[in-house]
Amino acid sequence: MKAYLLDYLQQAFREKFALPAFSIDNLSTVKSVVRGAELCRAPVILMVSESSFTFLGLEYIKSMVETVTSKATVPVFLHFDHGQVIKHAEMMVDAGADSVMID
């Protein structure tokens, strides 16, 4: 389900609810987090750290996230968290990340 992160962040602020974010580093985690969000009928953020990006590689991250989220019934957002390499952040944006954080 495609949605815009800013819309949900603004709604969460207005309505005083949390928008949870979970670090991901394997397919099982992605599937579990998205399934939990679906059970709660709530949007969720999947976070990829710099170390996960380096270890897994962009293609694996992109594939596992797209595979699971393409069938998701709730909004799922992808965030590059605490990036240290600008090029990695650029690659994540090009791959469809909804947000990035650079330290």
PDB file of N, CA and C in Angstrom:
ATOM      1  N   MET A   1       0.847  -1.167   0.000  1.00  0.00           N
ATOM      2  CA  MET A   1       0.000   0.000   0.000  1.00  0.00           C
ATOM      3  C   MET A   1       0.897   1.236   0.000  1.00  0.00           C
ATOM      4  N   LYS A   2       0.804   2.074  -1.026  1.00  0.00           N
ATOM      5  CA  LYS A   2       1.638   3.271  -1.116  1.00  0.00           C
ATOM      6  C   LYS A   2       0.964   4.429  -0.390  1.00  0.00           C
ATOM      7  N   ALA A   3       1.728   5.124   0.407  1.00  0.00           N
ATOM      8  CA  ALA A   3       1.247   6.281   1.147  1.00  0.00           C
ATOM      9  C   ALA A   3       2.420   7.236   1.330  1.00  0.00           C
ATOM     10  N   TYR A   4       2.159   8.390   1.881  1.00  0.00           N
ATOM     11  CA  TYR A   4       3.207   9.377   2.100  1.00  0.00           C
ATOM     12  C   TYR A   4       3.466   9.529   3.594  1.00  0.00           C
ATOM     13  N   LEU A   5       4.727   9.338   3.964  1.00  0.00           N
ATOM     14  CA  LEU A   5       5.126   9.363   5.368  1.00  0.00           C
ATOM     15  C   LEU A   5       4.742  10.676   6.042  1.00  0.00           C
ATOM     16  N   LEU A   6       4.971  11.797   5.385  1.00  0.00           N
ATOM     17  CA  LEU A   6       4.670  13.098   5.990  1.00  0.00           C
ATOM     18  C   LEU A   6       3.197  13.189   6.388  1.00  0.00           C
ATOM     19  N   ASP A   7       2.307  12.667   5.545  1.00  0.00           N
ATOM     20  CA  ASP A   7       0.875  12.698   5.877  1.00  0.00           C
ATOM     21  C   ASP A   7       0.608  11.954   7.184  1.00  0.00           C
ATOM     22  N   TYR A   8       1.226  10.801   7.353  1.00  0.00           N
ATOM     23  CA  TYR A   8       1.002  10.011   8.560  1.00  0.00           C
ATOM     24  C   TYR A   8       1.685  10.618   9.781  1.00  0.00           C
ATOM     25  N   LEU A   9       2.839  11.224   9.591  1.00  0.00           N
ATOM     26  CA  LEU A   9       3.504  11.894  10.717  1.00  0.00           C
ATOM     27  C   LEU A   9       2.669  13.078  11.204  1.00  0.00           C
ATOM     28  N   GLN A  10       2.113  13.832  10.285  1.00  0.00           N
ATOM     29  CA  GLN A  10       1.266  14.965  10.673  1.00  0.00           C
ATOM     30  C   GLN A  10      -0.004  14.481  11.371  1.00  0.00           C
ATOM     31  N   GLN A  11      -0.600  13.413  10.853  1.00  0.00           N
ATOM     32  CA  GLN A  11      -1.789  12.849  11.484  1.00  0.00           C
ATOM     33  C   GLN A  11      -1.463  12.346  12.893  1.00  0.00           C
ATOM     34  N   ALA A  12      -0.335  11.653  13.032  1.00  0.00           N
ATOM     35  CA  ALA A  12       0.072  11.142  14.343  1.00  0.00           C
ATOM     36  C   ALA A  12       0.270  12.284  15.333  1.00  0.00           C
ATOM     37  N   PHE A  13       0.842  13.373  14.874  1.00  0.00           N
ATOM     38  CA  PHE A  13       1.046  14.536  15.745  1.00  0.00           C
ATOM     39  C   PHE A  13      -0.297  15.136  16.163  1.00  0.00           C
ATOM     40  N   ARG A  14      -1.191  15.316  15.183  1.00  0.00           N
ATOM     41  CA  ARG A  14      -2.504  15.904  15.470  1.00  0.00           C
ATOM     42  C   ARG A  14      -3.330  15.030  16.417  1.00  0.00           C
ATOM     43  N   GLU A  15      -3.323  13.733  16.141  1.00  0.00           N
ATOM     44  CA  GLU A  15      -4.188  12.821  16.882  1.00  0.00           C
ATOM     45  C   GLU A  15      -3.493  12.151  18.071  1.00  0.00           C
ATOM     46  N   LYS A  16      -2.236  12.513  18.276  1.00  0.00           N
ATOM     47  CA  LYS A  16      -1.454  12.044  19.420  1.00  0.00           C
ATOM     48  C   LYS A  16      -1.330  10.513  19.479  1.00  0.00           C
ATOM     49  N   PHE A  17      -0.813   9.939  18.394  1.00  0.00           N
ATOM     50  CA  PHE A  17      -0.487   8.517  18.414  1.00  0.00           C
ATOM     51  C   PHE A  17       0.913   8.313  17.863  1.00  0.00           C
ATOM     52  N   ALA A  18       1.493   7.191  18.193  1.00  0.00           N
ATOM     53  CA  ALA A  18       2.859   6.885  17.778  1.00  0.00           C
ATOM     54  C   ALA A  18       2.858   6.195  16.416  1.00  0.00           C
ATOM     55  N   LEU A  19       3.892   6.455  15.667  1.00  0.00           N
ATOM     56  CA  LEU A  19       4.123   5.758  14.405  1.00  0.00           C
ATOM     57  C   LEU A  19       5.383   4.924  14.626  1.00  0.00           C
ATOM     58  N   PRO A  20       5.220   3.627  14.915  1.00  0.00           N
ATOM     59  CA  PRO A  20       6.373   2.816  15.318  1.00  0.00           C
ATOM     60  C   PRO A  20       7.348   2.572  14.179  1.00  0.00           C
ATOM     61  N   ALA A  21       8.607   2.425  14.557  1.00  0.00           N
ATOM     62  CA  ALA A  21       9.676   2.123  13.599  1.00  0.00           C
ATOM     63  C   ALA A  21      10.485   0.955  14.146  1.00  0.00           C
ATOM     64  N   PHE A  22      10.775   0.000  13.268  1.00  0.00           N
ATOM     65  CA  PHE A  22      11.499  -1.208  13.658  1.00  0.00           C
ATOM     66  C   PHE A  22      12.703  -1.406  12.746  1.00  0.00           C
ATOM     67  N   SER A  23      13.847  -1.708  13.338  1.00  0.00           N
ATOM     68  CA  SER A  23      15.037  -2.017  12.556  1.00  0.00           C
ATOM     69  C   SER A  23      14.864  -3.379  11.897  1.00  0.00           C
ATOM     70  N   ILE A  24      15.273  -3.456  10.649  1.00  0.00           N
ATOM     71  CA  ILE A  24      15.153  -4.716   9.919  1.00  0.00           C
ATOM     72  C   ILE A  24      16.522  -5.155   9.427  1.00  0.00           C
ATOM     73  N   ASP A  25      16.745  -6.458   9.434  1.00  0.00           N
ATOM     74  CA  ASP A  25      18.003  -6.971   8.882  1.00  0.00           C
ATOM     75  C   ASP A  25      17.840  -8.343   8.243  1.00  0.00           C
ATOM     76  N   ASN A  26      16.582  -8.811   8.165  1.00  0.00           N
ATOM     77  CA  ASN A  26      16.337 -10.074   7.459  1.00  0.00           C
ATOM     78  C   ASN A  26      14.860 -10.165   7.079  1.00  0.00           C
ATOM     79  N   LEU A  27      14.549 -11.115   6.225  1.00  0.00           N
ATOM     80  CA  LEU A  27      13.189 -11.272   5.726  1.00  0.00           C
ATOM     81  C   LEU A  27      12.200 -11.631   6.829  1.00  0.00           C
ATOM     82  N   SER A  28      12.615 -12.450   7.757  1.00  0.00           N
ATOM     83  CA  SER A  28      11.715 -12.838   8.852  1.00  0.00           C
ATOM     84  C   SER A  28      11.270 -11.629   9.660  1.00  0.00           C
ATOM     85  N   THR A  29      12.189 -10.734   9.923  1.00  0.00           N
ATOM     86  CA  THR A  29      11.852  -9.529  10.677  1.00  0.00           C
ATOM     87  C   THR A  29      10.879  -8.668   9.897  1.00  0.00           C
ATOM     88  N   VAL A  30      11.147  -8.461   8.613  1.00  0.00           N
ATOM     89  CA  VAL A  30      10.252  -7.646   7.781  1.00  0.00           C
ATOM     90  C   VAL A  30       8.844  -8.244   7.790  1.00  0.00           C
ATOM     91  N   LYS A  31       8.751  -9.542   7.566  1.00  0.00           N
ATOM     92  CA  LYS A  31       7.442 -10.201   7.536  1.00  0.00           C
ATOM     93  C   LYS A  31       6.724 -10.075   8.879  1.00  0.00           C
ATOM     94  N   SER A  32       7.446 -10.272   9.959  1.00  0.00           N
ATOM     95  CA  SER A  32       6.844 -10.204  11.295  1.00  0.00           C
ATOM     96  C   SER A  32       6.356  -8.805  11.633  1.00  0.00           C
ATOM     97  N   VAL A  33       7.168  -7.815  11.328  1.00  0.00           N
ATOM     98  CA  VAL A  33       6.799  -6.435  11.635  1.00  0.00           C
ATOM     99  C   VAL A  33       5.567  -6.025  10.833  1.00  0.00           C
ATOM    100  N   VAL A  34       5.555  -6.334   9.551  1.00  0.00           N
ATOM    101  CA  VAL A  34       4.419  -5.960   8.715  1.00  0.00           C
ATOM    102  C   VAL A  34       3.164  -6.715   9.142  1.00  0.00           C
ATOM    103  N   ARG A  35       3.305  -7.979   9.466  1.00  0.00           N
ATOM    104  CA  ARG A  35       2.146  -8.756   9.932  1.00  0.00           C
ATOM    105  C   ARG A  35       1.600  -8.176  11.233  1.00  0.00           C
ATOM    106  N   GLY A  36       2.461  -7.804  12.141  1.00  0.00           N
ATOM    107  CA  GLY A  36       2.011  -7.177  13.387  1.00  0.00           C
ATOM    108  C   GLY A  36       1.284  -5.866  13.131  1.00  0.00           C
ATOM    109  N   ALA A  37       1.803  -5.069  12.211  1.00  0.00           N
ATOM    110  CA  ALA A  37       1.149  -3.804  11.854  1.00  0.00           C
ATOM    111  C   ALA A  37      -0.228  -4.066  11.254  1.00  0.00           C
ATOM    112  N   GLU A  38      -0.325  -5.102  10.434  1.00  0.00           N
ATOM    113  CA  GLU A  38      -1.620  -5.442   9.839  1.00  0.00           C
ATOM    114  C   GLU A  38      -2.619  -5.887  10.906  1.00  0.00           C
ATOM    115  N   LEU A  39      -2.168  -6.669  11.853  1.00  0.00           N
ATOM    116  CA  LEU A  39      -3.059  -7.100  12.931  1.00  0.00           C
ATOM    117  C   LEU A  39      -3.569  -5.911  13.743  1.00  0.00           C
ATOM    118  N   CYS A  40      -2.715  -4.903  13.893  1.00  0.00           N
ATOM    119  CA  CYS A  40      -3.098  -3.688  14.627  1.00  0.00           C
ATOM    120  C   CYS A  40      -3.780  -2.655  13.732  1.00  0.00           C
ATOM    121  N   ARG A  41      -3.786  -2.935  12.440  1.00  0.00           N
ATOM    122  CA  ARG A  41      -4.327  -1.987  11.447  1.00  0.00           C
ATOM    123  C   ARG A  41      -3.672  -0.621  11.594  1.00  0.00           C
ATOM    124  N   ALA A  42      -2.344  -0.638  11.649  1.00  0.00           N
ATOM    125  CA  ALA A  42      -1.577   0.578  11.893  1.00  0.00           C
ATOM    126  C   ALA A  42      -0.427   0.703  10.894  1.00  0.00           C
ATOM    127  N   PRO A  43      -0.076   1.929  10.528  1.00  0.00           N
ATOM    128  CA  PRO A  43       1.093   2.124   9.678  1.00  0.00           C
ATOM    129  C   PRO A  43       2.365   1.802  10.447  1.00  0.00           C
ATOM    130  N   VAL A  44       3.441   1.532   9.708  1.00  0.00           N
ATOM    131  CA  VAL A  44       4.698   1.158  10.353  1.00  0.00           C
ATOM    132  C   VAL A  44       5.873   1.630   9.498  1.00  0.00           C
ATOM    133  N   ILE A  45       6.987   1.875  10.169  1.00  0.00           N
ATOM    134  CA  ILE A  45       8.226   2.271   9.492  1.00  0.00           C
ATOM    135  C   ILE A  45       9.238   1.136   9.633  1.00  0.00           C
ATOM    136  N   LEU A  46       9.823   0.733   8.515  1.00  0.00           N
ATOM    137  CA  LEU A  46      10.916  -0.234   8.509  1.00  0.00           C
ATOM    138  C   LEU A  46      12.217   0.552   8.393  1.00  0.00           C
ATOM    139  N   MET A  47      13.130   0.355   9.329  1.00  0.00           N
ATOM    140  CA  MET A  47      14.381   1.111   9.343  1.00  0.00           C
ATOM    141  C   MET A  47      15.554   0.230   8.939  1.00  0.00           C
ATOM    142  N   VAL A  48      16.392   0.770   8.076  1.00  0.00           N
ATOM    143  CA  VAL A  48      17.620   0.103   7.657  1.00  0.00           C
ATOM    144  C   VAL A  48      18.787   0.939   8.183  1.00  0.00           C
ATOM    145  N   SER A  49      19.663   0.320   8.942  1.00  0.00           N
ATOM    146  CA  SER A  49      20.833   1.023   9.477  1.00  0.00           C
ATOM    147  C   SER A  49      21.971   0.991   8.457  1.00  0.00           C
ATOM    148  N   GLU A  50      22.961   1.806   8.705  1.00  0.00           N
ATOM    149  CA  GLU A  50      24.157   1.804   7.845  1.00  0.00           C
ATOM    150  C   GLU A  50      24.803   0.426   7.823  1.00  0.00           C
ATOM    151  N   SER A  51      24.905  -0.210   9.006  1.00  0.00           N
ATOM    152  CA  SER A  51      25.546  -1.526   9.043  1.00  0.00           C
ATOM    153  C   SER A  51      24.713  -2.575   8.306  1.00  0.00           C
ATOM    154  N   SER A  52      23.390  -2.507   8.406  1.00  0.00           N
ATOM    155  CA  SER A  52      22.552  -3.445   7.653  1.00  0.00           C
ATOM    156  C   SER A  52      22.679  -3.197   6.153  1.00  0.00           C
ATOM    157  N   PHE A  53      22.752  -1.935   5.769  1.00  0.00           N
ATOM    158  CA  PHE A  53      22.927  -1.602   4.358  1.00  0.00           C
ATOM    159  C   PHE A  53      24.232  -2.200   3.836  1.00  0.00           C
ATOM    160  N   THR A  54      25.294  -2.030   4.593  1.00  0.00           N
ATOM    161  CA  THR A  54      26.602  -2.538   4.180  1.00  0.00           C
ATOM    162  C   THR A  54      26.618  -4.065   4.145  1.00  0.00           C
ATOM    163  N   PHE A  55      26.032  -4.697   5.145  1.00  0.00           N
ATOM    164  CA  PHE A  55      26.039  -6.156   5.235  1.00  0.00           C
ATOM    165  C   PHE A  55      25.127  -6.802   4.190  1.00  0.00           C
ATOM    166  N   LEU A  56      23.899  -6.295   4.077  1.00  0.00           N
ATOM    167  CA  LEU A  56      22.918  -6.919   3.189  1.00  0.00           C
ATOM    168  C   LEU A  56      23.051  -6.489   1.732  1.00  0.00           C
ATOM    169  N   GLY A  57      23.335  -5.217   1.529  1.00  0.00           N
ATOM    170  CA  GLY A  57      23.371  -4.678   0.175  1.00  0.00           C
ATOM    171  C   GLY A  57      22.006  -4.167  -0.244  1.00  0.00           C
ATOM    172  N   LEU A  58      22.004  -3.191  -1.115  1.00  0.00           N
ATOM    173  CA  LEU A  58      20.783  -2.521  -1.536  1.00  0.00           C
ATOM    174  C   LEU A  58      19.803  -3.466  -2.226  1.00  0.00           C
ATOM    175  N   GLU A  59      20.288  -4.320  -3.094  1.00  0.00           N
ATOM    176  CA  GLU A  59      19.384  -5.192  -3.854  1.00  0.00           C
ATOM    177  C   GLU A  59      18.593  -6.128  -2.937  1.00  0.00           C
ATOM    178  N   TYR A  60      19.253  -6.683  -1.936  1.00  0.00           N
ATOM    179  CA  TYR A  60      18.572  -7.576  -0.997  1.00  0.00           C
ATOM    180  C   TYR A  60      17.545  -6.805  -0.175  1.00  0.00           C
ATOM    181  N   ILE A  61      17.934  -5.646   0.318  1.00  0.00           N
ATOM    182  CA  ILE A  61      17.006  -4.821   1.098  1.00  0.00           C
ATOM    183  C   ILE A  61      15.786  -4.482   0.259  1.00  0.00           C
ATOM    184  N   LYS A  62      16.036  -3.989  -0.929  1.00  0.00           N
ATOM    185  CA  LYS A  62      14.946  -3.586  -1.819  1.00  0.00           C
ATOM    186  C   LYS A  62      14.030  -4.768  -2.131  1.00  0.00           C
ATOM    187  N   SER A  63      14.604  -5.909  -2.431  1.00  0.00           N
ATOM    188  CA  SER A  63      13.809  -7.086  -2.779  1.00  0.00           C
ATOM    189  C   SER A  63      12.945  -7.572  -1.627  1.00  0.00           C
ATOM    190  N   MET A  64      13.539  -7.682  -0.434  1.00  0.00           N
ATOM    191  CA  MET A  64      12.750  -8.213   0.672  1.00  0.00           C
ATOM    192  C   MET A  64      11.662  -7.237   1.096  1.00  0.00           C
ATOM    193  N   VAL A  65      11.947  -5.952   1.079  1.00  0.00           N
ATOM    194  CA  VAL A  65      10.939  -4.967   1.475  1.00  0.00           C
ATOM    195  C   VAL A  65       9.819  -4.919   0.434  1.00  0.00           C
ATOM    196  N   GLU A  66      10.165  -4.883  -0.835  1.00  0.00           N
ATOM    197  CA  GLU A  66       9.139  -4.844  -1.883  1.00  0.00           C
ATOM    198  C   GLU A  66       8.284  -6.106  -1.880  1.00  0.00           C
ATOM    199  N   THR A  67       8.900  -7.255  -1.668  1.00  0.00           N
ATOM    200  CA  THR A  67       8.162  -8.516  -1.657  1.00  0.00           C
ATOM    201  C   THR A  67       7.085  -8.521  -0.578  1.00  0.00           C
ATOM    202  N   VAL A  68       7.444  -8.090   0.597  1.00  0.00           N
ATOM    203  CA  VAL A  68       6.501  -8.111   1.720  1.00  0.00           C
ATOM    204  C   VAL A  68       5.505  -6.956   1.633  1.00  0.00           C
ATOM    205  N   THR A  69       5.975  -5.765   1.340  1.00  0.00           N
ATOM    206  CA  THR A  69       5.090  -4.601   1.389  1.00  0.00           C
ATOM    207  C   THR A  69       4.149  -4.506   0.190  1.00  0.00           C
ATOM    208  N   SER A  70       4.468  -5.175  -0.903  1.00  0.00           N
ATOM    209  CA  SER A  70       3.582  -5.102  -2.071  1.00  0.00           C
ATOM    210  C   SER A  70       2.206  -5.691  -1.771  1.00  0.00           C
ATOM    211  N   LYS A  71       2.137  -6.569  -0.795  1.00  0.00           N
ATOM    212  CA  LYS A  71       0.865  -7.189  -0.409  1.00  0.00           C
ATOM    213  C   LYS A  71       0.327  -6.649   0.913  1.00  0.00           C
ATOM    214  N   ALA A  72       1.004  -5.691   1.491  1.00  0.00           N
ATOM    215  CA  ALA A  72       0.600  -5.158   2.793  1.00  0.00           C
ATOM    216  C   ALA A  72      -0.733  -4.424   2.687  1.00  0.00           C
ATOM    217  N   THR A  73      -1.520  -4.554   3.734  1.00  0.00           N
ATOM    218  CA  THR A  73      -2.823  -3.888   3.779  1.00  0.00           C
ATOM    219  C   THR A  73      -2.789  -2.622   4.632  1.00  0.00           C
ATOM    220  N   VAL A  74      -1.603  -2.271   5.101  1.00  0.00           N
ATOM    221  CA  VAL A  74      -1.404  -1.037   5.871  1.00  0.00           C
ATOM    222  C   VAL A  74      -0.239  -0.282   5.243  1.00  0.00           C
ATOM    223  N   PRO A  75      -0.149   1.022   5.470  1.00  0.00           N
ATOM    224  CA  PRO A  75       0.996   1.772   4.961  1.00  0.00           C
ATOM    225  C   PRO A  75       2.300   1.310   5.619  1.00  0.00           C
ATOM    226  N   VAL A  76       3.303   1.055   4.795  1.00  0.00           N
ATOM    227  CA  VAL A  76       4.626   0.647   5.264  1.00  0.00           C
ATOM    228  C   VAL A  76       5.639   1.608   4.658  1.00  0.00           C
ATOM    229  N   PHE A  77       6.464   2.194   5.514  1.00  0.00           N
ATOM    230  CA  PHE A  77       7.444   3.173   5.067  1.00  0.00           C
ATOM    231  C   PHE A  77       8.851   2.633   5.276  1.00  0.00           C
ATOM    232  N   LEU A  78       9.766   3.027   4.411  1.00  0.00           N
ATOM    233  CA  LEU A  78      11.159   2.595   4.506  1.00  0.00           C
ATOM    234  C   LEU A  78      12.020   3.801   4.872  1.00  0.00           C
ATOM    235  N   HIS A  79      12.837   3.634   5.908  1.00  0.00           N
ATOM    236  CA  HIS A  79      13.678   4.715   6.424  1.00  0.00           C
ATOM    237  C   HIS A  79      15.126   4.234   6.527  1.00  0.00           C
ATOM    238  N   PHE A  80      16.053   5.035   6.028  1.00  0.00           N
ATOM    239  CA  PHE A  80      17.485   4.775   6.181  1.00  0.00           C
ATOM    240  C   PHE A  80      17.919   5.503   7.438  1.00  0.00           C
ATOM    241  N   ASP A  81      18.311   4.768   8.467  1.00  0.00           N
ATOM    242  CA  ASP A  81      18.505   5.326   9.802  1.00  0.00           C
ATOM    243  C   ASP A  81      19.976   5.472  10.166  1.00  0.00           C
ATOM    244  N   HIS A  82      20.344   6.653  10.628  1.00  0.00           N
ATOM    245  CA  HIS A  82      21.700   6.950  11.088  1.00  0.00           C
ATOM    246  C   HIS A  82      22.750   6.613  10.029  1.00  0.00           C
ATOM    247  N   GLY A  83      22.472   7.005   8.787  1.00  0.00           N
ATOM    248  CA  GLY A  83      23.435   6.785   7.717  1.00  0.00           C
ATOM    249  C   GLY A  83      24.697   7.594   7.940  1.00  0.00           C
ATOM    250  N   GLN A  84      25.801   7.054   7.468  1.00  0.00           N
ATOM    251  CA  GLN A  84      27.079   7.748   7.605  1.00  0.00           C
ATOM    252  C   GLN A  84      27.709   8.035   6.249  1.00  0.00           C
ATOM    253  N   VAL A  85      27.185   7.382   5.226  1.00  0.00           N
ATOM    254  CA  VAL A  85      27.730   7.534   3.880  1.00  0.00           C
ATOM    255  C   VAL A  85      26.648   8.162   2.997  1.00  0.00           C
ATOM    256  N   ILE A  86      26.918   9.367   2.510  1.00  0.00           N
ATOM    257  CA  ILE A  86      25.941  10.092   1.695  1.00  0.00           C
ATOM    258  C   ILE A  86      25.512   9.262   0.490  1.00  0.00           C
ATOM    259  N   LYS A  87      26.448   8.586  -0.133  1.00  0.00           N
ATOM    260  CA  LYS A  87      26.124   7.774  -1.312  1.00  0.00           C
ATOM    261  C   LYS A  87      25.098   6.690  -0.971  1.00  0.00           C
ATOM    262  N   HIS A  88      25.210   6.093   0.192  1.00  0.00           N
ATOM    263  CA  HIS A  88      24.242   5.078   0.613  1.00  0.00           C
ATOM    264  C   HIS A  88      22.853   5.702   0.769  1.00  0.00           C
ATOM    265  N   ALA A  89      22.801   6.881   1.356  1.00  0.00           N
ATOM    266  CA  ALA A  89      21.518   7.579   1.513  1.00  0.00           C
ATOM    267  C   ALA A  89      20.914   7.883   0.142  1.00  0.00           C
ATOM    268  N   GLU A  90      21.743   8.341  -0.783  1.00  0.00           N
ATOM    269  CA  GLU A  90      21.262   8.621  -2.142  1.00  0.00           C
ATOM    270  C   GLU A  90      20.733   7.350  -2.799  1.00  0.00           C
ATOM    271  N   MET A  91      21.443   6.252  -2.614  1.00  0.00           N
ATOM    272  CA  MET A  91      21.014   4.977  -3.189  1.00  0.00           C
ATOM    273  C   MET A  91      19.679   4.530  -2.587  1.00  0.00           C
ATOM    274  N   MET A  92      19.511   4.729  -1.287  1.00  0.00           N
ATOM    275  CA  MET A  92      18.253   4.363  -0.640  1.00  0.00           C
ATOM    276  C   MET A  92      17.097   5.214  -1.163  1.00  0.00           C
ATOM    277  N   VAL A  93      17.329   6.503  -1.339  1.00  0.00           N
ATOM    278  CA  VAL A  93      16.287   7.377  -1.901  1.00  0.00           C
ATOM    279  C   VAL A  93      15.932   6.925  -3.310  1.00  0.00           C
ATOM    280  N   ASP A  94      16.945   6.649  -4.108  1.00  0.00           N
ATOM    281  CA  ASP A  94      16.705   6.181  -5.481  1.00  0.00           C
ATOM    282  C   ASP A  94      15.948   4.850  -5.494  1.00  0.00           C
ATOM    283  N   ALA A  95      16.137   4.057  -4.454  1.00  0.00           N
ATOM    284  CA  ALA A  95      15.464   2.751  -4.358  1.00  0.00           C
ATOM    285  C   ALA A  95      14.058   2.867  -3.780  1.00  0.00           C
ATOM    286  N   GLY A  96      13.663   4.076  -3.386  1.00  0.00           N
ATOM    287  CA  GLY A  96      12.302   4.273  -2.904  1.00  0.00           C
ATOM    288  C   GLY A  96      12.140   4.526  -1.424  1.00  0.00           C
ATOM    289  N   ALA A  97      13.228   4.754  -0.703  1.00  0.00           N
ATOM    290  CA  ALA A  97      13.102   5.050   0.731  1.00  0.00           C
ATOM    291  C   ALA A  97      12.261   6.311   0.922  1.00  0.00           C
ATOM    292  N   ASP A  98      11.440   6.277   1.953  1.00  0.00           N
ATOM    293  CA  ASP A  98      10.573   7.411   2.251  1.00  0.00           C
ATOM    294  C   ASP A  98      11.275   8.500   3.030  1.00  0.00           C
ATOM    295  N   SER A  99      12.350   8.137   3.738  1.00  0.00           N
ATOM    296  CA  SER A  99      13.092   9.120   4.510  1.00  0.00           C
ATOM    297  C   SER A  99      14.499   8.597   4.787  1.00  0.00           C
ATOM    298  N   VAL A 100      15.395   9.540   5.074  1.00  0.00           N
ATOM    299  CA  VAL A 100      16.760   9.188   5.448  1.00  0.00           C
ATOM    300  C   VAL A 100      17.197  10.083   6.598  1.00  0.00           C
ATOM    301  N   MET A 101      18.112   9.548   7.395  1.00  0.00           N
ATOM    302  CA  MET A 101      18.719  10.318   8.493  1.00  0.00           C
ATOM    303  C   MET A 101      20.226  10.128   8.370  1.00  0.00           C
ATOM    304  N   ILE A 102      20.935  11.232   8.291  1.00  0.00           N
ATOM    305  CA  ILE A 102      22.385  11.192   8.162  1.00  0.00           C
ATOM    306  C   ILE A 102      23.014  11.742   9.441  1.00  0.00           C
ATOM    307  N   ASP A 103      23.972  11.009   9.997  1.00  0.00           N
ATOM    308  CA  ASP A 103      24.691  11.472  11.186  1.00  0.00           C
ATOM    309  C   ASP A 103      25.920  12.251  10.768  1.00  0.00           C
TER     310      ASP A 103
END
